[in-house]
């Protein structure tokens, strides 16, 4: 189990580093509330971008067009989302 967790973390790190070199200057973030299961990993990873609503406990995007300083955290939140509810559109 530990080896699988380490491999998962290394994959996330690789993806984050690979995306940094793409010259991505803008990112658009959306979340599919129908897929969201309310795990909260997105909110913990990028609290300035995601929140859970009080009624259903599902993800809400606070800032759909975040600044570059949030891109790494958003990519990580997308990777960690167990229901794959976070979508990104990258613009060069």
N, C-alpha and C. Protein backbone atom coordinates (compact mmCIF):
# COMPACT_ATOMS: atom_id res chain seq x y z
N UNK A 1 0.83 -1.19 0.00
CA UNK A 1 0.00 0.00 0.00
C UNK A 1 0.87 1.25 0.00
N UNK A 2 1.92 1.27 0.78
CA UNK A 2 2.79 2.43 0.85
C UNK A 2 3.43 2.72 -0.51
N UNK A 3 3.84 1.70 -1.22
CA UNK A 3 4.45 1.88 -2.54
C UNK A 3 3.46 2.52 -3.50
N UNK A 4 2.21 2.09 -3.46
CA UNK A 4 1.18 2.68 -4.32
C UNK A 4 0.97 4.15 -3.99
N UNK A 5 0.97 4.50 -2.72
CA UNK A 5 0.80 5.90 -2.32
C UNK A 5 1.97 6.75 -2.79
N UNK A 6 3.17 6.23 -2.66
CA UNK A 6 4.36 6.95 -3.11
C UNK A 6 4.32 7.14 -4.63
N UNK A 7 3.93 6.11 -5.36
CA UNK A 7 3.83 6.22 -6.81
C UNK A 7 2.79 7.27 -7.20
N UNK A 8 1.69 7.33 -6.48
CA UNK A 8 0.64 8.31 -6.75
C UNK A 8 1.16 9.72 -6.52
N UNK A 9 1.85 9.93 -5.42
CA UNK A 9 2.40 11.26 -5.12
C UNK A 9 3.44 11.66 -6.17
N UNK A 10 4.29 10.73 -6.57
CA UNK A 10 5.28 11.04 -7.60
C UNK A 10 4.62 11.39 -8.93
N UNK A 11 3.52 10.71 -9.25
CA UNK A 11 2.80 11.03 -10.49
C UNK A 11 2.23 12.44 -10.44
N UNK A 12 1.69 12.84 -9.30
CA UNK A 12 1.17 14.19 -9.14
C UNK A 12 2.29 15.21 -9.30
N UNK A 13 3.42 14.96 -8.66
CA UNK A 13 4.56 15.88 -8.77
C UNK A 13 5.03 16.00 -10.21
N UNK A 14 5.10 14.88 -10.92
CA UNK A 14 5.51 14.90 -12.31
C UNK A 14 4.54 15.73 -13.16
N UNK A 15 3.24 15.52 -12.96
CA UNK A 15 2.25 16.27 -13.72
C UNK A 15 2.33 17.76 -13.45
N UNK A 16 2.55 18.14 -12.20
CA UNK A 16 2.65 19.54 -11.85
C UNK A 16 3.88 20.17 -12.51
N UNK A 17 5.00 19.49 -12.48
CA UNK A 17 6.22 20.02 -13.10
C UNK A 17 6.07 20.08 -14.61
N UNK A 18 5.46 19.09 -15.21
CA UNK A 18 5.30 19.07 -16.66
C UNK A 18 4.42 20.23 -17.13
N UNK A 19 3.41 20.54 -16.39
CA UNK A 19 2.49 21.61 -16.78
C UNK A 19 3.12 22.99 -16.63
N UNK A 20 4.06 23.15 -15.73
CA UNK A 20 4.70 24.45 -15.53
C UNK A 20 5.41 24.93 -16.77
N UNK A 21 5.98 24.02 -17.55
CA UNK A 21 6.76 24.40 -18.71
C UNK A 21 5.94 24.61 -19.97
N UNK A 22 4.65 24.54 -19.90
CA UNK A 22 3.83 24.64 -21.10
C UNK A 22 3.50 26.08 -21.51
N UNK A 23 3.88 27.05 -20.70
CA UNK A 23 3.57 28.43 -21.04
C UNK A 23 2.10 28.75 -20.86
N UNK A 24 1.46 28.07 -19.97
CA UNK A 24 0.04 28.32 -19.72
C UNK A 24 -0.10 29.61 -18.92
N UNK A 25 -0.82 30.55 -19.47
CA UNK A 25 -0.98 31.82 -18.77
C UNK A 25 -2.38 31.98 -18.19
N UNK A 26 -3.34 31.27 -18.74
CA UNK A 26 -4.71 31.37 -18.24
C UNK A 26 -5.28 29.98 -18.05
N UNK A 27 -6.14 29.89 -17.08
CA UNK A 27 -6.80 28.63 -16.78
C UNK A 27 -8.26 28.93 -16.43
N UNK A 28 -9.15 28.11 -16.94
CA UNK A 28 -10.56 28.21 -16.59
C UNK A 28 -10.95 26.94 -15.84
N UNK A 29 -11.61 27.11 -14.71
CA UNK A 29 -11.94 25.99 -13.83
C UNK A 29 -13.46 25.84 -13.74
N UNK A 30 -13.92 24.61 -13.90
CA UNK A 30 -15.34 24.30 -13.67
C UNK A 30 -15.41 23.03 -12.82
N UNK A 31 -16.56 22.83 -12.23
CA UNK A 31 -16.78 21.63 -11.42
C UNK A 31 -18.16 21.07 -11.73
N UNK A 32 -18.21 19.77 -11.89
CA UNK A 32 -19.46 19.07 -12.18
C UNK A 32 -20.09 18.63 -10.87
N UNK A 33 -21.08 19.34 -10.42
CA UNK A 33 -21.73 19.05 -9.14
C UNK A 33 -22.48 17.72 -9.16
N UNK A 34 -22.83 17.26 -10.34
CA UNK A 34 -23.49 15.95 -10.44
C UNK A 34 -22.52 14.81 -10.13
N UNK A 35 -21.24 15.03 -10.39
CA UNK A 35 -20.21 14.01 -10.11
C UNK A 35 -19.65 14.14 -8.70
N UNK A 36 -19.68 15.34 -8.15
CA UNK A 36 -19.07 15.61 -6.85
C UNK A 36 -19.69 14.75 -5.75
N UNK A 37 -18.82 14.19 -4.90
CA UNK A 37 -19.30 13.40 -3.76
C UNK A 37 -19.05 14.11 -2.43
N UNK A 38 -18.52 15.34 -2.49
CA UNK A 38 -18.32 16.12 -1.28
C UNK A 38 -17.15 15.70 -0.42
N UNK A 39 -16.13 15.10 -1.03
CA UNK A 39 -14.96 14.63 -0.26
C UNK A 39 -14.19 15.80 0.37
N UNK A 40 -14.19 16.95 -0.28
CA UNK A 40 -13.57 18.14 0.29
C UNK A 40 -12.09 18.33 0.00
N UNK A 41 -11.49 17.45 -0.77
CA UNK A 41 -10.06 17.58 -1.05
C UNK A 41 -9.76 18.83 -1.86
N UNK A 42 -10.66 19.23 -2.73
CA UNK A 42 -10.45 20.45 -3.51
C UNK A 42 -10.44 21.68 -2.61
N UNK A 43 -11.34 21.72 -1.66
CA UNK A 43 -11.42 22.85 -0.74
C UNK A 43 -10.18 22.92 0.14
N UNK A 44 -9.69 21.78 0.59
CA UNK A 44 -8.48 21.75 1.40
C UNK A 44 -7.24 22.13 0.60
N UNK A 45 -7.22 21.77 -0.68
CA UNK A 45 -6.06 22.02 -1.53
C UNK A 45 -6.03 23.44 -2.09
N UNK A 46 -7.17 23.96 -2.47
CA UNK A 46 -7.25 25.29 -3.08
C UNK A 46 -8.45 26.05 -2.52
N UNK A 47 -8.39 26.48 -1.26
CA UNK A 47 -9.55 27.12 -0.61
C UNK A 47 -9.94 28.47 -1.19
N UNK A 48 -9.06 29.12 -1.93
CA UNK A 48 -9.42 30.40 -2.57
C UNK A 48 -10.19 30.17 -3.87
N UNK A 49 -10.20 28.93 -4.34
CA UNK A 49 -10.84 28.61 -5.62
C UNK A 49 -12.12 27.81 -5.43
N UNK A 50 -12.11 26.89 -4.47
CA UNK A 50 -13.26 25.99 -4.26
C UNK A 50 -13.84 26.16 -2.86
N UNK A 51 -15.15 25.92 -2.76
CA UNK A 51 -15.82 25.83 -1.47
C UNK A 51 -16.95 24.84 -1.60
N UNK A 52 -17.46 24.40 -0.47
CA UNK A 52 -18.63 23.52 -0.46
C UNK A 52 -19.83 24.35 -0.06
N UNK A 53 -20.94 24.13 -0.74
CA UNK A 53 -22.13 24.87 -0.35
C UNK A 53 -22.69 24.30 0.96
N UNK A 54 -23.43 25.11 1.67
CA UNK A 54 -23.95 24.71 2.98
C UNK A 54 -25.11 23.72 2.88
N UNK A 55 -25.86 23.77 1.80
CA UNK A 55 -27.05 22.93 1.68
C UNK A 55 -26.72 21.48 1.32
N UNK A 56 -25.93 21.28 0.26
CA UNK A 56 -25.67 19.93 -0.23
C UNK A 56 -24.27 19.43 0.08
N UNK A 57 -23.38 20.34 0.47
CA UNK A 57 -22.00 19.95 0.73
C UNK A 57 -21.21 19.61 -0.52
N UNK A 58 -21.66 20.14 -1.65
CA UNK A 58 -20.99 19.87 -2.92
C UNK A 58 -20.13 21.06 -3.33
N UNK A 59 -19.18 20.79 -4.21
CA UNK A 59 -18.22 21.81 -4.63
C UNK A 59 -18.89 22.96 -5.37
N UNK A 60 -18.36 24.15 -5.11
CA UNK A 60 -18.72 25.36 -5.84
C UNK A 60 -17.40 26.04 -6.20
N UNK A 61 -17.30 26.52 -7.42
CA UNK A 61 -16.10 27.23 -7.85
C UNK A 61 -16.27 28.70 -7.49
N UNK A 62 -15.35 29.21 -6.68
CA UNK A 62 -15.39 30.62 -6.26
C UNK A 62 -14.84 31.51 -7.37
N UNK A 63 -13.72 31.10 -7.96
CA UNK A 63 -13.05 31.89 -8.99
C UNK A 63 -12.75 30.97 -10.17
N UNK A 64 -13.54 31.07 -11.22
CA UNK A 64 -13.39 30.21 -12.37
C UNK A 64 -12.23 30.57 -13.29
N UNK A 65 -11.67 31.76 -13.10
CA UNK A 65 -10.54 32.22 -13.91
C UNK A 65 -9.44 32.71 -12.98
N UNK A 66 -8.80 31.80 -12.27
CA UNK A 66 -7.82 32.17 -11.24
C UNK A 66 -6.49 32.66 -11.82
N UNK A 67 -5.76 33.37 -10.98
CA UNK A 67 -4.43 33.82 -11.36
C UNK A 67 -3.45 32.66 -11.38
N UNK A 68 -2.31 32.90 -12.01
CA UNK A 68 -1.29 31.86 -12.19
C UNK A 68 -0.78 31.32 -10.87
N UNK A 69 -0.84 32.11 -9.80
CA UNK A 69 -0.33 31.65 -8.50
C UNK A 69 -1.14 30.50 -7.93
N UNK A 70 -2.34 30.25 -8.47
CA UNK A 70 -3.19 29.17 -7.98
C UNK A 70 -3.17 27.93 -8.88
N UNK A 71 -2.53 28.01 -10.02
CA UNK A 71 -2.60 26.92 -11.01
C UNK A 71 -2.10 25.59 -10.46
N UNK A 72 -0.98 25.59 -9.75
CA UNK A 72 -0.45 24.33 -9.22
C UNK A 72 -1.41 23.69 -8.23
N UNK A 73 -1.99 24.51 -7.35
CA UNK A 73 -2.93 23.99 -6.35
C UNK A 73 -4.19 23.44 -7.03
N UNK A 74 -4.63 24.10 -8.09
CA UNK A 74 -5.82 23.64 -8.81
C UNK A 74 -5.54 22.32 -9.52
N UNK A 75 -4.38 22.20 -10.13
CA UNK A 75 -4.02 20.93 -10.78
C UNK A 75 -3.98 19.80 -9.76
N UNK A 76 -3.42 20.09 -8.60
CA UNK A 76 -3.37 19.08 -7.55
C UNK A 76 -4.77 18.72 -7.08
N UNK A 77 -5.63 19.71 -6.90
CA UNK A 77 -7.02 19.45 -6.49
C UNK A 77 -7.72 18.56 -7.51
N UNK A 78 -7.48 18.83 -8.78
CA UNK A 78 -8.09 18.00 -9.83
C UNK A 78 -7.59 16.56 -9.75
N UNK A 79 -6.30 16.39 -9.52
CA UNK A 79 -5.73 15.04 -9.41
C UNK A 79 -6.27 14.29 -8.19
N UNK A 80 -6.46 15.01 -7.10
CA UNK A 80 -6.89 14.38 -5.85
C UNK A 80 -8.39 14.10 -5.80
N UNK A 81 -9.17 14.75 -6.64
CA UNK A 81 -10.62 14.60 -6.60
C UNK A 81 -11.01 13.15 -6.90
N UNK A 82 -11.63 12.45 -5.94
CA UNK A 82 -11.96 11.05 -6.15
C UNK A 82 -13.07 10.82 -7.18
N UNK A 83 -13.88 11.83 -7.43
CA UNK A 83 -14.98 11.67 -8.39
C UNK A 83 -14.69 12.32 -9.74
N UNK A 84 -13.49 12.92 -9.88
CA UNK A 84 -13.09 13.57 -11.13
C UNK A 84 -14.10 14.64 -11.55
N UNK A 85 -14.51 15.44 -10.57
CA UNK A 85 -15.53 16.46 -10.83
C UNK A 85 -14.95 17.80 -11.29
N UNK A 86 -13.63 17.96 -11.24
CA UNK A 86 -13.01 19.22 -11.59
C UNK A 86 -12.46 19.16 -13.02
N UNK A 87 -12.82 20.17 -13.81
CA UNK A 87 -12.33 20.26 -15.17
C UNK A 87 -11.54 21.56 -15.35
N UNK A 88 -10.47 21.47 -16.14
CA UNK A 88 -9.63 22.61 -16.43
C UNK A 88 -9.56 22.85 -17.93
N UNK A 89 -9.57 24.11 -18.30
CA UNK A 89 -9.30 24.50 -19.68
C UNK A 89 -8.07 25.40 -19.62
N UNK A 90 -7.03 25.03 -20.36
CA UNK A 90 -5.79 25.79 -20.36
C UNK A 90 -5.67 26.59 -21.64
N UNK A 91 -5.24 27.85 -21.49
CA UNK A 91 -5.08 28.74 -22.62
C UNK A 91 -3.66 29.26 -22.63
N UNK A 92 -2.96 29.11 -23.76
CA UNK A 92 -1.57 29.60 -23.86
C UNK A 92 -1.55 31.08 -24.08
